[in-house]
Every structure is written in structure tokens, then in C-alpha cells.
C-alpha atoms as a PDB file:
ATOM      1  CA  GLY A   1       0.000   0.000   0.000  1.00  0.00           C
ATOM      2  CA  GLY A   2       2.862   2.345   0.832  1.00  0.00           C
ATOM      3  CA  LEU A   3       4.529   1.676  -2.527  1.00  0.00           C
ATOM      4  CA  LEU A   4       1.294   2.342  -4.402  1.00  0.00           C
ATOM      5  CA  GLY A   5       0.748   5.536  -2.421  1.00  0.00           C
ATOM      6  CA  ALA A   6       4.301   6.646  -3.186  1.00  0.00           C
ATOM      7  CA  VAL A   7       3.743   6.041  -6.905  1.00  0.00           C
ATOM      8  CA  LEU A   8       0.537   8.118  -6.827  1.00  0.00           C
ATOM      9  CA  LEU A   9       2.208  10.978  -4.978  1.00  0.00           C
ATOM     10  CA  TYR A  10       5.175  10.841  -7.357  1.00  0.00           C
ATOM     11  CA  GLN A  11       2.833  11.039 -10.331  1.00  0.00           C
ATOM     12  CA  TRP A  12       0.949  13.964  -8.775  1.00  0.00           C
ATOM     13  CA  SER A  13       4.191  15.893  -8.224  1.00  0.00           C
ATOM     14  CA  VAL A  14       4.884  16.115 -11.963  1.00  0.00           C
ATOM     15  CA  GLY A  15       3.754  19.742 -12.053  1.00  0.00           C
ATOM     16  CA  THR A  16       6.366  20.791  -9.526  1.00  0.00           C
ATOM     17  CA  ARG A  17       9.084  18.656 -11.121  1.00  0.00           C
ATOM     18  CA  ARG A  18       8.389  20.208 -14.540  1.00  0.00           C
ATOM     19  CA  LEU A  19       9.483  23.588 -13.195  1.00  0.00           C
ATOM     20  CA  PHE A  20      13.026  22.297 -12.659  1.00  0.00           C
ATOM     21  CA  GLU A  21      13.375  19.673 -15.386  1.00  0.00           C
ATOM     22  CA  PRO A  22      10.676  20.005 -18.089  1.00  0.00           C
ATOM     23  CA  VAL A  23      11.658  17.157 -20.422  1.00  0.00           C
ATOM     24  CA  GLY A  24      12.937  14.553 -17.963  1.00  0.00           C
ATOM     25  CA  ALA A  25      10.017  14.942 -15.585  1.00  0.00           C
ATOM     26  CA  MET A  26       7.464  14.143 -18.287  1.00  0.00           C
ATOM     27  CA  ALA A  27       9.476  11.181 -19.575  1.00  0.00           C
ATOM     28  CA  ARG A  28       9.599   9.675 -16.069  1.00  0.00           C
ATOM     29  CA  HIS A  29       5.897  10.510 -15.513  1.00  0.00           C
ATOM     30  CA  LYS A  30       5.010   8.515 -18.631  1.00  0.00           C
ATOM     31  CA  LEU A  31       7.305   5.603 -17.690  1.00  0.00           C
ATOM     32  CA  VAL A  32       5.947   5.333 -14.155  1.00  0.00           C
ATOM     33  CA  GLY A  33       2.408   5.619 -15.536  1.00  0.00           C
ATOM     34  CA  ALA A  34       3.066   2.717 -17.891  1.00  0.00           C
ATOM     35  CA  LEU A  35       4.277   0.602 -14.958  1.00  0.00           C
ATOM     36  CA  ALA A  36       1.350   1.635 -12.736  1.00  0.00           C
ATOM     37  CA  PRO A  37      -0.814  -1.456 -13.444  1.00  0.00           C
ATOM     38  CA  ALA A  38       2.008  -3.705 -12.209  1.00  0.00           C
ATOM     39  CA  VAL A  39       2.204  -1.732  -8.961  1.00  0.00           C
ATOM     40  CA  LEU A  40      -1.574  -2.001  -8.584  1.00  0.00           C
ATOM     41  CA  TYR A  41      -1.382  -5.769  -9.127  1.00  0.00           C
ATOM     42  CA  LEU A  42       1.335  -6.064  -6.475  1.00  0.00           C
ATOM     43  CA  HIS A  43      -0.969  -4.259  -4.053  1.00  0.00           C
ATOM     44  CA  ALA A  44      -4.161  -6.203  -4.823  1.00  0.00           C
ATOM     45  CA  SER A  45      -4.693  -9.008  -7.295  1.00  0.00           C
ATOM     46  CA  ARG A  46      -8.509  -8.671  -7.089  1.00  0.00           C
ATOM     47  CA  PHE A  47     -10.564  -5.583  -7.876  1.00  0.00           C
ATOM     48  CA  GLY A  48     -12.963  -5.915  -4.975  1.00  0.00           C
ATOM     49  CA  TYR A  49     -16.442  -4.397  -5.034  1.00  0.00           C
ATOM     50  CA  GLY A  50     -18.164  -1.141  -4.228  1.00  0.00           C
ATOM     51  CA  TYR A  51     -15.889   1.866  -3.924  1.00  0.00           C
ATOM     52  CA  LEU A  52     -12.799  -0.345  -4.333  1.00  0.00           C
ATOM     53  CA  ALA A  53     -13.969  -1.395  -7.787  1.00  0.00           C
ATOM     54  CA  LEU A  54     -14.623   2.266  -8.590  1.00  0.00           C
ATOM     55  CA  LEU A  55     -11.128   3.125  -7.345  1.00  0.00           C
ATOM     56  CA  VAL A  56      -9.502   0.474  -9.532  1.00  0.00           C
ATOM     57  CA  TRP A  57     -11.487   1.473 -12.616  1.00  0.00           C
ATOM     58  CA  ALA A  58     -10.643   5.136 -12.055  1.00  0.00           C
ATOM     59  CA  TYR A  59      -6.987   4.149 -11.680  1.00  0.00           C
ATOM     60  CA  LEU A  60      -6.978   2.088 -14.879  1.00  0.00           C
ATOM     61  CA  GLY A  61      -9.117   4.684 -16.669  1.00  0.00           C
ATOM     62  CA  THR A  62      -6.582   7.387 -15.840  1.00  0.00           C
ATOM     63  CA  LEU A  63      -3.883   5.171 -17.322  1.00  0.00           C
ATOM     64  CA  ALA A  64      -5.957   4.563 -20.467  1.00  0.00           C
ATOM     65  CA  ILE A  65      -6.649   8.272 -20.856  1.00  0.00           C
ATOM     66  CA  GLY A  66      -2.950   8.981 -20.393  1.00  0.00           C
ATOM     67  CA  LEU A  67      -2.109   6.564 -23.196  1.00  0.00           C
ATOM     68  CA  CYS A  68      -4.193   8.700 -25.567  1.00  0.00           C
ATOM     69  CA  HIS A  69      -1.768  11.624 -25.181  1.00  0.00           C
ATOM     70  CA  ARG A  70       0.430  10.979 -28.227  1.00  0.00           C
ATOM     71  CA  PRO A  71      -2.407  10.440 -30.763  1.00  0.00           C
ATOM     72  CA  ILE A  72      -4.150  13.585 -29.528  1.00  0.00           C
ATOM     73  CA  VAL A  73      -0.971  15.656 -29.762  1.00  0.00           C
ATOM     74  CA  ARG A  74      -0.414  14.413 -33.320  1.00  0.00           C
ATOM     75  CA  LEU A  75      -3.835  15.735 -34.331  1.00  0.00           C
ATOM     76  CA  ARG A  76      -2.709  19.252 -33.329  1.00  0.00           C
ATOM     77  CA  ALA A  77      -6.216  20.079 -32.094  1.00  0.00           C
ATOM     78  CA  ARG A  78      -5.850  22.443 -29.132  1.00  0.00           C
ATOM     79  CA  THR A  79      -9.461  22.033 -27.987  1.00  0.00           C
ATOM     80  CA  LEU A  80      -9.215  18.237 -28.028  1.00  0.00           C
ATOM     81  CA  PHE A  81      -5.932  18.411 -26.094  1.00  0.00           C
ATOM     82  CA  SER A  82      -7.525  20.705 -23.479  1.00  0.00           C
ATOM     83  CA  MET A  83     -10.436  18.301 -23.050  1.00  0.00           C
ATOM     84  CA  TRP A  84      -8.004  15.370 -22.750  1.00  0.00           C
ATOM     85  CA  PHE A  85      -5.921  17.201 -20.159  1.00  0.00           C
ATOM     86  CA  VAL A  86      -8.938  18.145 -18.021  1.00  0.00           C
ATOM     87  CA  LEU A  87     -10.238  14.558 -18.159  1.00  0.00           C
ATOM     88  CA  HIS A  88      -6.804  13.136 -17.253  1.00  0.00           C
ATOM     89  CA  VAL A  89      -6.439  15.465 -14.273  1.00  0.00           C
ATOM     90  CA  ALA A  90     -10.061  14.908 -13.161  1.00  0.00           C
ATOM     91  CA  THR A  91      -9.714  11.123 -13.153  1.00  0.00           C
ATOM     92  CA  SER A  92      -6.366  11.476 -11.386  1.00  0.00           C
ATOM     93  CA  LEU A  93      -8.034  13.576  -8.721  1.00  0.00           C
ATOM     94  CA  ALA A  94     -10.772  10.952  -8.367  1.00  0.00           C
ATOM     95  CA  VAL A  95      -8.069   8.313  -7.815  1.00  0.00           C
ATOM     96  CA  LEU A  96      -6.425  10.500  -5.192  1.00  0.00           C
ATOM     97  CA  VAL A  97      -9.691  11.150  -3.311  1.00  0.00           C
ATOM     98  CA  LEU A  98     -10.862   7.529  -3.466  1.00  0.00           C
ATOM     99  CA  GLY A  99      -7.368   6.351  -2.496  1.00  0.00           C
ATOM    100  CA  GLY A 100      -7.374   8.659   0.514  1.00  0.00           C
ATOM    101  CA  TYR A 101     -10.783   7.306   1.512  1.00  0.00           C
ATOM    102  CA  HIS A 102      -9.436   3.773   1.123  1.00  0.00           C
ATOM    103  CA  VAL A 103      -6.493   4.557   3.409  1.00  0.00           C
ATOM    104  CA  VAL A 104      -8.828   5.962   6.079  1.00  0.00           C
ATOM    105  CA  ILE A 105     -11.113   2.918   5.890  1.00  0.00           C
ATOM    106  CA  ALA A 106      -8.165   0.479   5.903  1.00  0.00           C
ATOM    107  CA  LEU A 107      -6.588   2.140   8.928  1.00  0.00           C
ATOM    108  CA  ALA A 108      -9.925   2.158  10.753  1.00  0.00           C
ATOM    109  CA  TYR A 109      -9.922  -1.655  10.683  1.00  0.00           C
ATOM    110  CA  VAL A 110      -6.350  -2.058  11.946  1.00  0.00           C
END
């Protein structure tokens, strides 16, 4: 759980890292994002039900949306890119909120 949380926080810090290293930060963000399903599998091999299923689908949906970056950039459509970016950040925020809720619930049962 700690490793998965660290990966999520690392991915969320891309905005700050881009200030100091614009190209390298995005390359690492994409690499870690591509490896994210493996980290999720190490944490839980089953999706669960209820909000846990929603959390996993939001997590995998964010990854799928992220994979659409290169085709959208190739189209050179600024409006489409803006919509993609908002959707990617919104699903990422949903993962962060649901993940925080999951941590609270998990710690409540310890």
C-alpha cells in the first residue's frame, strides 16, 4: 500500500518537477504511468467491489486516458488536447480522493 501511495504521490508531483526539469520529468511521468498497473497488481490481485472497484477502474481509466496523449498531440487540435488534459487530471483527482478514503477505511480496521 505504501509503494502504491508513493507512486501516486510521485505522479501527482509532476507539475512541480516540470518547473526544474521540463523534459525529464514528463518522460519519467510517462514511464511510471506505464508501470502503474504492475504496482496495482502487487498491491491487490482482485478488484474488490463497491468503492474499491470504482477506485480500480478510475486508476486504470486514468492510465488509459494517459495513453491517448500521443495520438491527440499528433492531431494538433488544441481544444481536443484541453479536453483530454482536463479529463486526465479529473480522473487522477478521483483516484487520489478515493485512495485517501481507502487509506482511512483500511486504517480504521487495523
